[in-house]
């Protein structure tokens, strides 16, 4: 069962090792920025998840709509948190 899921994911998102390199490079770049330390945990987590989705898009099928939908969803979560704090 897990093998089937992994094969399906690879056909959509590409090789996991390649995806990991892309995602980790992007995350390292974000963490090196001066502003990273000013972010709240939910900002950081949303950005990490968005970067993961971006890596999937770059490494796999760029027309897989779920990846784009998920990016919008993580951004919306942070937007809602910010609105509640105002």
N, C-alpha and C. Protein backbone atom coordinates (compact mmCIF):
# COMPACT_ATOMS: atom_id res chain seq x y z
N UNK A 1 0.83 -1.20 0.00
CA UNK A 1 0.00 0.00 0.00
C UNK A 1 0.87 1.26 0.00
N UNK A 2 1.86 1.30 0.85
CA UNK A 2 2.74 2.47 0.91
C UNK A 2 3.52 2.62 -0.39
N UNK A 3 3.97 1.51 -0.95
CA UNK A 3 4.70 1.55 -2.23
C UNK A 3 3.86 2.19 -3.32
N UNK A 4 2.58 1.85 -3.37
CA UNK A 4 1.68 2.41 -4.37
C UNK A 4 1.57 3.93 -4.19
N UNK A 5 1.41 4.36 -2.95
CA UNK A 5 1.31 5.80 -2.66
C UNK A 5 2.59 6.52 -3.06
N UNK A 6 3.74 5.94 -2.73
CA UNK A 6 5.02 6.57 -3.07
C UNK A 6 5.20 6.68 -4.57
N UNK A 7 4.79 5.67 -5.31
CA UNK A 7 4.90 5.71 -6.77
C UNK A 7 3.98 6.78 -7.36
N UNK A 8 2.78 6.89 -6.79
CA UNK A 8 1.85 7.94 -7.25
C UNK A 8 2.42 9.32 -6.98
N UNK A 9 2.98 9.51 -5.79
CA UNK A 9 3.55 10.81 -5.42
C UNK A 9 4.73 11.15 -6.33
N UNK A 10 5.57 10.17 -6.61
CA UNK A 10 6.73 10.42 -7.46
C UNK A 10 6.30 10.80 -8.88
N UNK A 11 5.23 10.20 -9.35
CA UNK A 11 4.78 10.54 -10.71
C UNK A 11 4.24 11.97 -10.77
N UNK A 12 3.76 12.48 -9.64
CA UNK A 12 3.23 13.84 -9.59
C UNK A 12 4.29 14.85 -9.18
N UNK A 13 5.09 14.52 -8.16
CA UNK A 13 6.02 15.49 -7.56
C UNK A 13 7.48 15.27 -7.92
N UNK A 14 7.78 14.20 -8.63
CA UNK A 14 9.15 13.91 -9.00
C UNK A 14 9.89 13.17 -7.90
N UNK A 15 11.15 12.91 -8.17
CA UNK A 15 12.02 12.18 -7.25
C UNK A 15 12.16 12.92 -5.92
N UNK A 16 11.96 12.20 -4.82
CA UNK A 16 11.98 12.82 -3.49
C UNK A 16 13.35 13.42 -3.15
N UNK A 17 14.42 12.77 -3.56
CA UNK A 17 15.76 13.30 -3.27
C UNK A 17 15.98 14.63 -3.96
N UNK A 18 15.58 14.73 -5.21
CA UNK A 18 15.71 16.00 -5.94
C UNK A 18 14.84 17.08 -5.33
N UNK A 19 13.62 16.72 -4.99
CA UNK A 19 12.71 17.65 -4.33
C UNK A 19 13.31 18.16 -3.03
N UNK A 20 13.93 17.27 -2.28
CA UNK A 20 14.52 17.64 -0.99
C UNK A 20 15.65 18.65 -1.14
N UNK A 21 16.45 18.50 -2.17
CA UNK A 21 17.53 19.46 -2.43
C UNK A 21 16.96 20.84 -2.71
N UNK A 22 15.95 20.89 -3.58
CA UNK A 22 15.33 22.18 -3.91
C UNK A 22 14.73 22.82 -2.66
N UNK A 23 13.94 22.06 -1.92
CA UNK A 23 13.27 22.59 -0.73
C UNK A 23 14.28 23.06 0.32
N UNK A 24 15.30 22.26 0.56
CA UNK A 24 16.29 22.63 1.57
C UNK A 24 17.09 23.86 1.17
N UNK A 25 17.44 23.98 -0.11
CA UNK A 25 18.15 25.17 -0.57
C UNK A 25 17.30 26.43 -0.37
N UNK A 26 16.01 26.34 -0.69
CA UNK A 26 15.12 27.48 -0.51
C UNK A 26 14.97 27.82 0.98
N UNK A 27 14.83 26.81 1.82
CA UNK A 27 14.68 27.04 3.26
C UNK A 27 15.94 27.65 3.86
N UNK A 28 17.10 27.19 3.43
CA UNK A 28 18.36 27.77 3.91
C UNK A 28 18.46 29.24 3.53
N UNK A 29 18.03 29.57 2.32
CA UNK A 29 18.04 30.97 1.88
C UNK A 29 17.12 31.82 2.75
N UNK A 30 15.95 31.30 3.06
CA UNK A 30 15.02 32.06 3.92
C UNK A 30 15.61 32.27 5.30
N UNK A 31 16.20 31.23 5.87
CA UNK A 31 16.73 31.33 7.22
C UNK A 31 17.95 32.25 7.30
N UNK A 32 18.62 32.44 6.18
CA UNK A 32 19.79 33.33 6.16
C UNK A 32 19.41 34.80 6.08
N UNK A 33 18.15 35.08 5.77
CA UNK A 33 17.70 36.47 5.65
C UNK A 33 17.59 37.11 7.02
N UNK A 34 17.93 38.38 7.09
CA UNK A 34 17.88 39.11 8.37
C UNK A 34 16.50 39.07 9.01
N UNK A 35 15.45 39.12 8.21
CA UNK A 35 14.10 39.18 8.75
C UNK A 35 13.56 37.88 9.30
N UNK A 36 14.24 36.76 9.06
CA UNK A 36 13.74 35.46 9.52
C UNK A 36 13.51 35.46 11.04
N UNK A 37 14.40 36.07 11.77
CA UNK A 37 14.29 36.09 13.23
C UNK A 37 13.12 36.92 13.73
N UNK A 38 12.54 37.75 12.88
CA UNK A 38 11.40 38.59 13.27
C UNK A 38 10.06 37.90 13.08
N UNK A 39 10.08 36.73 12.48
CA UNK A 39 8.83 36.04 12.16
C UNK A 39 8.31 35.24 13.35
N UNK A 40 7.00 35.14 13.41
CA UNK A 40 6.33 34.29 14.40
C UNK A 40 6.40 32.84 13.92
N UNK A 41 6.22 31.88 14.84
CA UNK A 41 6.28 30.47 14.43
C UNK A 41 5.34 30.12 13.28
N UNK A 42 4.13 30.68 13.29
CA UNK A 42 3.20 30.35 12.20
C UNK A 42 3.64 30.95 10.86
N UNK A 43 4.32 32.09 10.88
CA UNK A 43 4.89 32.65 9.64
C UNK A 43 5.93 31.68 9.09
N UNK A 44 6.82 31.25 9.98
CA UNK A 44 7.90 30.35 9.56
C UNK A 44 7.36 29.03 9.02
N UNK A 45 6.40 28.46 9.74
CA UNK A 45 5.85 27.17 9.31
C UNK A 45 5.13 27.30 7.97
N UNK A 46 4.34 28.35 7.81
CA UNK A 46 3.65 28.56 6.55
C UNK A 46 4.65 28.72 5.41
N UNK A 47 5.70 29.49 5.63
CA UNK A 47 6.72 29.65 4.59
C UNK A 47 7.41 28.34 4.27
N UNK A 48 7.72 27.54 5.30
CA UNK A 48 8.31 26.22 5.05
C UNK A 48 7.38 25.35 4.21
N UNK A 49 6.10 25.36 4.53
CA UNK A 49 5.15 24.55 3.77
C UNK A 49 4.99 25.07 2.34
N UNK A 50 4.96 26.39 2.19
CA UNK A 50 4.87 26.98 0.85
C UNK A 50 6.09 26.61 0.03
N UNK A 51 7.27 26.69 0.64
CA UNK A 51 8.50 26.31 -0.07
C UNK A 51 8.46 24.83 -0.47
N UNK A 52 7.93 23.99 0.40
CA UNK A 52 7.81 22.57 0.06
C UNK A 52 6.93 22.41 -1.18
N UNK A 53 5.82 23.14 -1.21
CA UNK A 53 4.91 23.07 -2.35
C UNK A 53 5.58 23.62 -3.60
N UNK A 54 6.35 24.70 -3.47
CA UNK A 54 7.09 25.26 -4.61
C UNK A 54 8.08 24.24 -5.14
N UNK A 55 8.78 23.55 -4.24
CA UNK A 55 9.74 22.53 -4.66
C UNK A 55 9.03 21.41 -5.42
N UNK A 56 7.84 21.04 -4.97
CA UNK A 56 7.07 20.02 -5.68
C UNK A 56 6.71 20.48 -7.09
N UNK A 57 6.33 21.75 -7.21
CA UNK A 57 5.96 22.30 -8.51
C UNK A 57 7.17 22.30 -9.44
N UNK A 58 8.31 22.75 -8.94
CA UNK A 58 9.53 22.84 -9.75
C UNK A 58 10.02 21.45 -10.14
N UNK A 59 9.95 20.51 -9.21
CA UNK A 59 10.50 19.18 -9.42
C UNK A 59 9.56 18.23 -10.15
N UNK A 60 8.26 18.52 -10.10
CA UNK A 60 7.28 17.60 -10.65
C UNK A 60 6.37 18.25 -11.68
N UNK A 61 5.10 17.99 -11.52
CA UNK A 61 4.09 18.47 -12.46
C UNK A 61 3.66 19.89 -12.07
N UNK A 62 4.03 20.90 -12.85
CA UNK A 62 3.68 22.27 -12.51
C UNK A 62 2.19 22.57 -12.70
N UNK A 63 1.46 21.66 -13.30
CA UNK A 63 0.03 21.85 -13.50
C UNK A 63 -0.82 21.08 -12.49
N UNK A 64 -0.18 20.50 -11.49
CA UNK A 64 -0.93 19.81 -10.44
C UNK A 64 -1.57 20.87 -9.55
N UNK A 65 -2.85 21.06 -9.72
CA UNK A 65 -3.54 22.19 -9.11
C UNK A 65 -3.51 22.17 -7.57
N UNK A 66 -3.44 20.98 -6.97
CA UNK A 66 -3.42 20.89 -5.51
C UNK A 66 -2.24 21.65 -4.91
N UNK A 67 -1.11 21.62 -5.56
CA UNK A 67 0.06 22.33 -5.03
C UNK A 67 -0.20 23.83 -4.98
N UNK A 68 -0.78 24.36 -6.03
CA UNK A 68 -1.10 25.80 -6.07
C UNK A 68 -2.17 26.14 -5.04
N UNK A 69 -3.15 25.27 -4.92
CA UNK A 69 -4.23 25.46 -3.93
C UNK A 69 -3.66 25.45 -2.51
N UNK A 70 -2.74 24.54 -2.24
CA UNK A 70 -2.14 24.46 -0.91
C UNK A 70 -1.34 25.71 -0.58
N UNK A 71 -0.62 26.26 -1.55
CA UNK A 71 0.13 27.50 -1.32
C UNK A 71 -0.83 28.61 -0.91
N UNK A 72 -1.93 28.73 -1.63
CA UNK A 72 -2.92 29.75 -1.29
C UNK A 72 -3.50 29.49 0.10
N UNK A 73 -3.70 28.24 0.44
CA UNK A 73 -4.25 27.89 1.75
C UNK A 73 -3.32 28.28 2.90
N UNK A 74 -2.04 28.01 2.77
CA UNK A 74 -1.09 28.39 3.83
C UNK A 74 -1.01 29.90 3.96
N UNK A 75 -1.03 30.61 2.83
CA UNK A 75 -1.02 32.07 2.88
C UNK A 75 -2.28 32.59 3.56
N UNK A 76 -3.41 31.98 3.29
CA UNK A 76 -4.68 32.39 3.89
C UNK A 76 -4.67 32.14 5.41
N UNK A 77 -4.08 31.03 5.83
CA UNK A 77 -3.99 30.77 7.27
C UNK A 77 -3.25 31.90 7.99
N UNK A 78 -2.14 32.33 7.43
CA UNK A 78 -1.37 33.41 8.04
C UNK A 78 -2.14 34.72 7.96
N UNK A 79 -2.77 34.97 6.83
CA UNK A 79 -3.57 36.19 6.70
C UNK A 79 -4.65 36.25 7.78
N UNK A 80 -5.32 35.13 8.01
CA UNK A 80 -6.37 35.09 9.04
C UNK A 80 -5.80 35.35 10.43
N UNK A 81 -4.65 34.80 10.73
CA UNK A 81 -3.99 35.03 12.03
C UNK A 81 -3.65 36.50 12.19
N UNK A 82 -3.09 37.08 11.15
CA UNK A 82 -2.72 38.51 11.21
C UNK A 82 -3.98 39.37 11.42
N UNK A 83 -5.05 39.08 10.74
CA UNK A 83 -6.29 39.84 10.89
C UNK A 83 -6.82 39.76 12.31
N UNK A 84 -6.75 38.58 12.92
CA UNK A 84 -7.24 38.41 14.30
C UNK A 84 -6.40 39.22 15.28
N UNK A 85 -5.13 39.42 14.97
CA UNK A 85 -4.24 40.16 15.88
C UNK A 85 -4.42 41.66 15.78
N UNK A 86 -5.02 42.13 14.70
CA UNK A 86 -5.18 43.57 14.51
C UNK A 86 -6.24 44.15 15.43
